[in-house]
Amino acid sequence: MLAKSEFFLSSQYVKNKNAFPYITERYSETAVAIEGVIEAGVQCGEFRPQLQSAVTARFLISFMNGLMLDTYQLGHEATRVKEQLAALMFSMEQMLRPIHELGL
């Protein structure tokens, strides 16, 4: 993780992103997978989302990437990982509105 984060934050990567498609491919594939899960939940009546699945997927990816990087650099006590994950769960419930949360 350290080597990858250092490399992808380095000026070598930033100046020549096309030569290293890993980050773009990882991001795209993860977003598509999360969107698929959300859409499947909508189709079976499990979710009533407030936002487009693409927006929610990218929010989740950005949150997790940021939390991982910050926690690696600062430690779990500084980033309050448990509290952050609780906030994430709250946010996801608000965005996806799962049927069990609506009391239906």
C-alpha atoms as a PDB file:
ATOM      1  CA  MET A   1       0.000   0.000   0.000  1.00  0.00           C
ATOM      2  CA  LEU A   2       2.770   2.433   0.921  1.00  0.00           C
ATOM      3  CA  ALA A   3       4.675   1.860  -2.306  1.00  0.00           C
ATOM      4  CA  LYS A   4       1.540   2.225  -4.437  1.00  0.00           C
ATOM      5  CA  SER A   5       0.339   5.376  -2.677  1.00  0.00           C
ATOM      6  CA  GLU A   6       3.785   6.960  -2.860  1.00  0.00           C
ATOM      7  CA  PHE A   7       4.081   6.144  -6.554  1.00  0.00           C
ATOM      8  CA  PHE A   8       0.637   7.396  -7.526  1.00  0.00           C
ATOM      9  CA  LEU A   9       1.145  10.608  -5.575  1.00  0.00           C
ATOM     10  CA  SER A  10       4.566  11.167  -7.120  1.00  0.00           C
ATOM     11  CA  SER A  11       5.279  13.712  -9.822  1.00  0.00           C
ATOM     12  CA  GLN A  12       6.409  10.896 -12.159  1.00  0.00           C
ATOM     13  CA  TYR A  13       2.889   9.450 -12.198  1.00  0.00           C
ATOM     14  CA  VAL A  14       1.115  12.806 -12.344  1.00  0.00           C
ATOM     15  CA  LYS A  15       3.148  13.875 -15.379  1.00  0.00           C
ATOM     16  CA  ASN A  16       2.627  10.589 -17.256  1.00  0.00           C
ATOM     17  CA  LYS A  17      -0.703   9.054 -16.178  1.00  0.00           C
ATOM     18  CA  ASN A  18      -1.339   7.400 -19.545  1.00  0.00           C
ATOM     19  CA  ALA A  19       1.673   5.141 -19.095  1.00  0.00           C
ATOM     20  CA  PHE A  20       0.210   3.755 -15.854  1.00  0.00           C
ATOM     21  CA  PRO A  21      -3.484   2.918 -16.370  1.00  0.00           C
ATOM     22  CA  TYR A  22      -3.831   1.012 -13.064  1.00  0.00           C
ATOM     23  CA  ILE A  23      -5.525   3.793 -11.100  1.00  0.00           C
ATOM     24  CA  THR A  24      -7.966   4.680 -13.871  1.00  0.00           C
ATOM     25  CA  GLU A  25      -8.864   1.050 -14.518  1.00  0.00           C
ATOM     26  CA  ARG A  26      -9.219   0.268 -10.811  1.00  0.00           C
ATOM     27  CA  TYR A  27     -11.440   3.290 -10.276  1.00  0.00           C
ATOM     28  CA  SER A  28     -13.631   2.571 -13.306  1.00  0.00           C
ATOM     29  CA  GLU A  29     -14.040  -1.128 -12.546  1.00  0.00           C
ATOM     30  CA  THR A  30     -14.853  -0.447  -8.902  1.00  0.00           C
ATOM     31  CA  ALA A  31     -17.390   2.241  -9.827  1.00  0.00           C
ATOM     32  CA  VAL A  32     -19.113  -0.059 -12.314  1.00  0.00           C
ATOM     33  CA  ALA A  33     -19.267  -2.860  -9.729  1.00  0.00           C
ATOM     34  CA  ILE A  34     -20.759  -0.608  -7.042  1.00  0.00           C
ATOM     35  CA  GLU A  35     -23.237   0.887  -9.512  1.00  0.00           C
ATOM     36  CA  GLY A  36     -24.288  -2.658 -10.407  1.00  0.00           C
ATOM     37  CA  VAL A  37     -24.968  -3.513  -6.781  1.00  0.00           C
ATOM     38  CA  ILE A  38     -26.991  -0.347  -6.303  1.00  0.00           C
ATOM     39  CA  GLU A  39     -28.973  -0.917  -9.501  1.00  0.00           C
ATOM     40  CA  ALA A  40     -29.664  -4.523  -8.491  1.00  0.00           C
ATOM     41  CA  GLY A  41     -30.952  -3.235  -5.153  1.00  0.00           C
ATOM     42  CA  VAL A  42     -33.223  -0.779  -6.955  1.00  0.00           C
ATOM     43  CA  GLN A  43     -34.509  -3.472  -9.328  1.00  0.00           C
ATOM     44  CA  CYS A  44     -35.468  -5.806  -6.497  1.00  0.00           C
ATOM     45  CA  GLY A  45     -37.051  -2.976  -4.523  1.00  0.00           C
ATOM     46  CA  GLU A  46     -34.440  -2.928  -1.785  1.00  0.00           C
ATOM     47  CA  PHE A  47     -33.194   0.634  -2.390  1.00  0.00           C
ATOM     48  CA  ARG A  48     -34.921   3.916  -3.125  1.00  0.00           C
ATOM     49  CA  PRO A  49     -31.883   6.078  -3.898  1.00  0.00           C
ATOM     50  CA  GLN A  50     -31.786   9.841  -3.611  1.00  0.00           C
ATOM     51  CA  LEU A  51     -28.870  10.190  -6.039  1.00  0.00           C
ATOM     52  CA  GLN A  52     -27.821   8.517  -9.248  1.00  0.00           C
ATOM     53  CA  SER A  53     -25.973   5.248  -8.663  1.00  0.00           C
ATOM     54  CA  ALA A  54     -22.896   6.676 -10.427  1.00  0.00           C
ATOM     55  CA  VAL A  55     -22.712   9.556  -7.940  1.00  0.00           C
ATOM     56  CA  THR A  56     -23.134   7.299  -4.917  1.00  0.00           C
ATOM     57  CA  ALA A  57     -20.534   4.837  -6.220  1.00  0.00           C
ATOM     58  CA  ARG A  58     -17.955   7.557  -6.709  1.00  0.00           C
ATOM     59  CA  PHE A  59     -18.714   9.075  -3.305  1.00  0.00           C
ATOM     60  CA  LEU A  60     -18.074   5.699  -1.692  1.00  0.00           C
ATOM     61  CA  ILE A  61     -14.815   5.177  -3.583  1.00  0.00           C
ATOM     62  CA  SER A  62     -13.544   8.659  -2.717  1.00  0.00           C
ATOM     63  CA  PHE A  63     -14.483   8.256   0.926  1.00  0.00           C
ATOM     64  CA  MET A  64     -12.749   4.886   1.267  1.00  0.00           C
ATOM     65  CA  ASN A  65      -9.641   5.977  -0.653  1.00  0.00           C
ATOM     66  CA  GLY A  66      -9.346   9.107   1.460  1.00  0.00           C
ATOM     67  CA  LEU A  67      -9.891   7.280   4.726  1.00  0.00           C
ATOM     68  CA  MET A  68      -7.327   4.611   3.822  1.00  0.00           C
ATOM     69  CA  LEU A  69      -4.699   7.157   2.826  1.00  0.00           C
ATOM     70  CA  ASP A  70      -5.286   9.397   5.851  1.00  0.00           C
ATOM     71  CA  THR A  71      -5.321   6.449   8.243  1.00  0.00           C
ATOM     72  CA  TYR A  72      -2.119   5.089   6.790  1.00  0.00           C
ATOM     73  CA  GLN A  73      -0.417   8.468   7.196  1.00  0.00           C
ATOM     74  CA  LEU A  74      -1.954   9.583  10.493  1.00  0.00           C
ATOM     75  CA  GLY A  75      -3.095   6.421  12.260  1.00  0.00           C
ATOM     76  CA  HIS A  76      -6.546   5.138  13.178  1.00  0.00           C
ATOM     77  CA  GLU A  77      -6.812   7.187  16.345  1.00  0.00           C
ATOM     78  CA  ALA A  78      -6.286  10.489  14.530  1.00  0.00           C
ATOM     79  CA  THR A  79      -8.725   9.633  11.759  1.00  0.00           C
ATOM     80  CA  ARG A  80     -11.241   8.042  14.155  1.00  0.00           C
ATOM     81  CA  VAL A  81     -11.907   5.173  11.779  1.00  0.00           C
ATOM     82  CA  LYS A  82     -14.854   3.733  13.744  1.00  0.00           C
ATOM     83  CA  GLU A  83     -16.630   7.084  13.851  1.00  0.00           C
ATOM     84  CA  GLN A  84     -15.882   7.724  10.168  1.00  0.00           C
ATOM     85  CA  LEU A  85     -17.319   4.335   9.192  1.00  0.00           C
ATOM     86  CA  ALA A  86     -20.417   5.061  11.274  1.00  0.00           C
ATOM     87  CA  ALA A  87     -20.772   8.368   9.415  1.00  0.00           C
ATOM     88  CA  LEU A  88     -20.347   6.512   6.128  1.00  0.00           C
ATOM     89  CA  MET A  89     -23.109   4.060   7.043  1.00  0.00           C
ATOM     90  CA  PHE A  90     -25.387   6.958   7.982  1.00  0.00           C
ATOM     91  CA  SER A  91     -24.610   8.708   4.691  1.00  0.00           C
ATOM     92  CA  MET A  92     -25.163   5.567   2.632  1.00  0.00           C
ATOM     93  CA  GLU A  93     -28.519   4.966   4.323  1.00  0.00           C
ATOM     94  CA  GLN A  94     -29.572   8.508   3.476  1.00  0.00           C
ATOM     95  CA  MET A  95     -28.438   8.137  -0.128  1.00  0.00           C
ATOM     96  CA  LEU A  96     -29.804   4.640  -0.770  1.00  0.00           C
ATOM     97  CA  ARG A  97     -32.849   4.690   1.507  1.00  0.00           C
ATOM     98  CA  PRO A  98     -32.985   0.936   2.087  1.00  0.00           C
ATOM     99  CA  ILE A  99     -36.523  -0.349   2.553  1.00  0.00           C
ATOM    100  CA  HIS A 100     -35.856  -1.582   6.099  1.00  0.00           C
ATOM    101  CA  GLU A 101     -34.946   1.981   7.095  1.00  0.00           C
ATOM    102  CA  LEU A 102     -38.255   3.295   5.764  1.00  0.00           C
ATOM    103  CA  GLY A 103     -40.230   0.878   7.882  1.00  0.00           C
ATOM    104  CA  LEU A 104     -41.839  -0.651   4.791  1.00  0.00           C
END
